[in-house]
């Protein structure tokens, strides 16, 4: 069983309505399952991950992006050390699975 752990998160930009954070995680890392109040965008800038939704898994590699819908449970499994940009509204709220 894979242990769930948090990525390293760095704030890159903080605008009036939007924010950009960089996520970093290591190969084999499983990030916490969660959903958010608003849609957001993930852009992979290094490595590889699988973004898991209930109905479908999305393999993302360097240069790939994906819009994550609001209020949809999802989780990231890191296949290869990765960095990704996470673009989101400043007032986004996250709910984590227990």
Foldseek 3Di string as FASTA:
>chain_A
DQDEDAWDKDWDDDDPWKTKIKTWDAAQHKYFKKFKQAKKKKAWQAAWKWKDFPVDIDIDHHGDMDIGGHPTIIIIHGHHTTMIMIMDTPPMDMDTDD
